[in-house]
Amino acid sequence: MNKKELRNFSRQKRQQLSVHDIEVFQDLILIRFQQIPLPFISYVHSYVTLEKLNEVDPTPLLRYLEFRHPGMKVAVPRINDQEELDHILIDDETIMVDNKFGIPEPLSGFTLEPELIDLVFVPLLGFDETGNRVGYGKGYYDKFLATCRQDVVIIGLSFLEAVKEIVDTDPWDVPLHYCITPNRVYEF
């Protein structure tokens, strides 16, 4: 399957999910996530969920990590003037505003350098059995992940299972280390 086909297929399948399906799948993804052996985590970068797109919400996983790793901080993306991602530390007081794509971003906050990030939850529409992912097509995350440390843990979350192969990957595509679905943990 090529990227365009996978994007269309995944969008269609996700829109068919009921509220009940999503609630059950979220719980199963959290249970599967808890099985992954992770190093101590100080800083996590996480995407902000777009409910209208039926994305997996990483918030329960972040709460679990905060419990397991006291003092852990969370950063979320904000698109800067160079059309790259800044990583803004957030807390309960952070004010979020929608960007030009309708994605909530922090209005202000401290910018975290990518080399400090220990774990990244990446948004995706689909992925394949070797860890290649298809995002929303703008390349923000591939550019960002290329600036992270070699030992950063890259995790995708998906309500859908892997396809056999994405046939049109690019040399700059950064693969996942794990992808968690309601049915299993894929390790790459």
Foldseek 3Di string as FASTA:
>chain_A
DALVVLLVVLQVVLVPDDPVLLVLFLVLLLVQVVPDDADAFAEEEEECDDVVSNWRHCVVVVVVSCVVHPNHWYWYWDQDPVRATWTFTDDPPFDWDQDPVGGTDTPDHDTDFQQNGQEYEDEFSAAALVFFTHHPPPCRVLVSVVRYDPNRAYEYEDQDDHDHDHPDDDPSGDGHQWYTYSVHIRGD
